[in-house]
Amino acid sequence: MKWWWAAMLGGSILLAVPGHSEIGAITGDVVGHFFSALILAIVPILGYRLFYQQIGEKEITYIFGAAWIYLVISQLFGW
């Protein structure tokens, strides 16, 4: 599952670089991507926990990854 996190980090960096030249702005965009995905993923994660009582790293990664992908696609298309 670590490759999934690395891919999301790399994708966020690639999205942030074209619009900024300062490392602080790039870092801010990357942190913003992950924070927004966390806010979007918290409801499904808590729902999964409520219904199934256990949630592992794999399930959290998939839910967070889906939220991140949705945010990236919506940013690319300007939704």
C-alpha atoms as a PDB file:
ATOM      1  CA  MET A   1       0.000   0.000   0.000  1.00  0.00           C
ATOM      2  CA  LYS A   2       2.981   2.293   0.389  1.00  0.00           C
ATOM      3  CA  TRP A   3       3.278   2.651  -3.400  1.00  0.00           C
ATOM      4  CA  TRP A   4      -0.253   4.088  -3.460  1.00  0.00           C
ATOM      5  CA  TRP A   5       0.713   6.834  -1.011  1.00  0.00           C
ATOM      6  CA  ALA A   6       3.876   7.543  -3.024  1.00  0.00           C
ATOM      7  CA  ALA A   7       1.836   7.806  -6.222  1.00  0.00           C
ATOM      8  CA  MET A   8      -0.603  10.250  -4.599  1.00  0.00           C
ATOM      9  CA  LEU A   9       2.262  12.365  -3.253  1.00  0.00           C
ATOM     10  CA  GLY A  10       3.984  12.390  -6.645  1.00  0.00           C
ATOM     11  CA  GLY A  11       0.751  13.295  -8.401  1.00  0.00           C
ATOM     12  CA  SER A  12       0.090  16.155  -6.007  1.00  0.00           C
ATOM     13  CA  ILE A  13       3.595  17.494  -6.549  1.00  0.00           C
ATOM     14  CA  LEU A  14       3.196  17.283 -10.334  1.00  0.00           C
ATOM     15  CA  LEU A  15      -0.089  19.177 -10.097  1.00  0.00           C
ATOM     16  CA  ALA A  16       1.387  21.866  -7.851  1.00  0.00           C
ATOM     17  CA  VAL A  17       4.643  22.582  -9.715  1.00  0.00           C
ATOM     18  CA  PRO A  18       3.330  24.228 -12.932  1.00  0.00           C
ATOM     19  CA  GLY A  19       1.541  27.036 -11.101  1.00  0.00           C
ATOM     20  CA  HIS A  20       4.241  27.903  -8.571  1.00  0.00           C
ATOM     21  CA  SER A  21       7.952  28.561  -8.438  1.00  0.00           C
ATOM     22  CA  GLU A  22       8.419  28.719  -4.652  1.00  0.00           C
ATOM     23  CA  ILE A  23       8.788  25.599  -2.526  1.00  0.00           C
ATOM     24  CA  GLY A  24       6.400  27.003   0.088  1.00  0.00           C
ATOM     25  CA  ALA A  25       3.593  27.396  -2.426  1.00  0.00           C
ATOM     26  CA  ILE A  26       4.166  23.894  -3.810  1.00  0.00           C
ATOM     27  CA  THR A  27       4.166  22.435  -0.296  1.00  0.00           C
ATOM     28  CA  GLY A  28       0.978  24.338   0.506  1.00  0.00           C
ATOM     29  CA  ASP A  29      -0.775  22.900  -2.536  1.00  0.00           C
ATOM     30  CA  VAL A  30       0.355  19.351  -1.734  1.00  0.00           C
ATOM     31  CA  VAL A  31      -0.802  19.665   1.885  1.00  0.00           C
ATOM     32  CA  GLY A  32      -4.062  21.168   0.637  1.00  0.00           C
ATOM     33  CA  HIS A  33      -4.661  18.181  -1.665  1.00  0.00           C
ATOM     34  CA  PHE A  34      -4.190  15.716   1.179  1.00  0.00           C
ATOM     35  CA  PHE A  35      -6.190  17.760   3.698  1.00  0.00           C
ATOM     36  CA  SER A  36      -9.098  18.133   1.271  1.00  0.00           C
ATOM     37  CA  ALA A  37      -9.030  14.405   0.499  1.00  0.00           C
ATOM     38  CA  LEU A  38      -9.006  13.640   4.230  1.00  0.00           C
ATOM     39  CA  ILE A  39     -12.050  15.836   4.808  1.00  0.00           C
ATOM     40  CA  LEU A  40     -13.843  14.150   1.907  1.00  0.00           C
ATOM     41  CA  ALA A  41     -12.860  10.626   3.048  1.00  0.00           C
ATOM     42  CA  ILE A  42     -13.671  10.973   6.745  1.00  0.00           C
ATOM     43  CA  VAL A  43     -17.403  10.200   6.359  1.00  0.00           C
ATOM     44  CA  PRO A  44     -16.923   6.895   4.471  1.00  0.00           C
ATOM     45  CA  ILE A  45     -14.144   5.875   6.865  1.00  0.00           C
ATOM     46  CA  LEU A  46     -16.327   6.514   9.911  1.00  0.00           C
ATOM     47  CA  GLY A  47     -19.278   4.770   8.239  1.00  0.00           C
ATOM     48  CA  TYR A  48     -17.144   1.723   7.487  1.00  0.00           C
ATOM     49  CA  ARG A  49     -15.967   1.711  11.087  1.00  0.00           C
ATOM     50  CA  LEU A  50     -19.550   1.992  12.374  1.00  0.00           C
ATOM     51  CA  PHE A  51     -20.888  -0.898  10.295  1.00  0.00           C
ATOM     52  CA  TYR A  52     -17.947  -3.305  10.340  1.00  0.00           C
ATOM     53  CA  GLN A  53     -16.278  -2.378  13.667  1.00  0.00           C
ATOM     54  CA  GLN A  54     -12.807  -2.799  12.153  1.00  0.00           C
ATOM     55  CA  ILE A  55     -11.009  -0.943   9.430  1.00  0.00           C
ATOM     56  CA  GLY A  56      -7.510  -1.709   8.277  1.00  0.00           C
ATOM     57  CA  GLU A  57      -4.798   0.251   6.534  1.00  0.00           C
ATOM     58  CA  LYS A  58      -5.828  -1.212   3.186  1.00  0.00           C
ATOM     59  CA  GLU A  59      -9.426   0.009   3.429  1.00  0.00           C
ATOM     60  CA  ILE A  60      -8.390   3.457   4.650  1.00  0.00           C
ATOM     61  CA  THR A  61      -5.901   3.754   1.795  1.00  0.00           C
ATOM     62  CA  TYR A  62      -8.523   2.800  -0.798  1.00  0.00           C
ATOM     63  CA  ILE A  63     -11.106   5.235   0.569  1.00  0.00           C
ATOM     64  CA  PHE A  64      -8.562   8.062   0.864  1.00  0.00           C
ATOM     65  CA  GLY A  65      -7.208   7.253  -2.605  1.00  0.00           C
ATOM     66  CA  ALA A  66     -10.674   7.421  -4.131  1.00  0.00           C
ATOM     67  CA  ALA A  67     -11.271  10.812  -2.490  1.00  0.00           C
ATOM     68  CA  TRP A  68      -7.893  12.066  -3.710  1.00  0.00           C
ATOM     69  CA  ILE A  69      -8.573  10.862  -7.264  1.00  0.00           C
ATOM     70  CA  TYR A  70     -11.961  12.589  -7.242  1.00  0.00           C
ATOM     71  CA  LEU A  71     -10.372  15.855  -6.093  1.00  0.00           C
ATOM     72  CA  VAL A  72      -7.594  15.658  -8.698  1.00  0.00           C
ATOM     73  CA  ILE A  73     -10.026  14.942 -11.534  1.00  0.00           C
ATOM     74  CA  SER A  74     -12.342  17.736 -10.420  1.00  0.00           C
ATOM     75  CA  GLN A  75      -9.366  20.121 -10.269  1.00  0.00           C
ATOM     76  CA  LEU A  76      -8.182  19.124 -13.717  1.00  0.00           C
ATOM     77  CA  PHE A  77     -11.613  19.636 -15.269  1.00  0.00           C
ATOM     78  CA  GLY A  78     -12.455  22.677 -13.155  1.00  0.00           C
ATOM     79  CA  TRP A  79     -15.621  21.271 -11.564  1.00  0.00           C
END
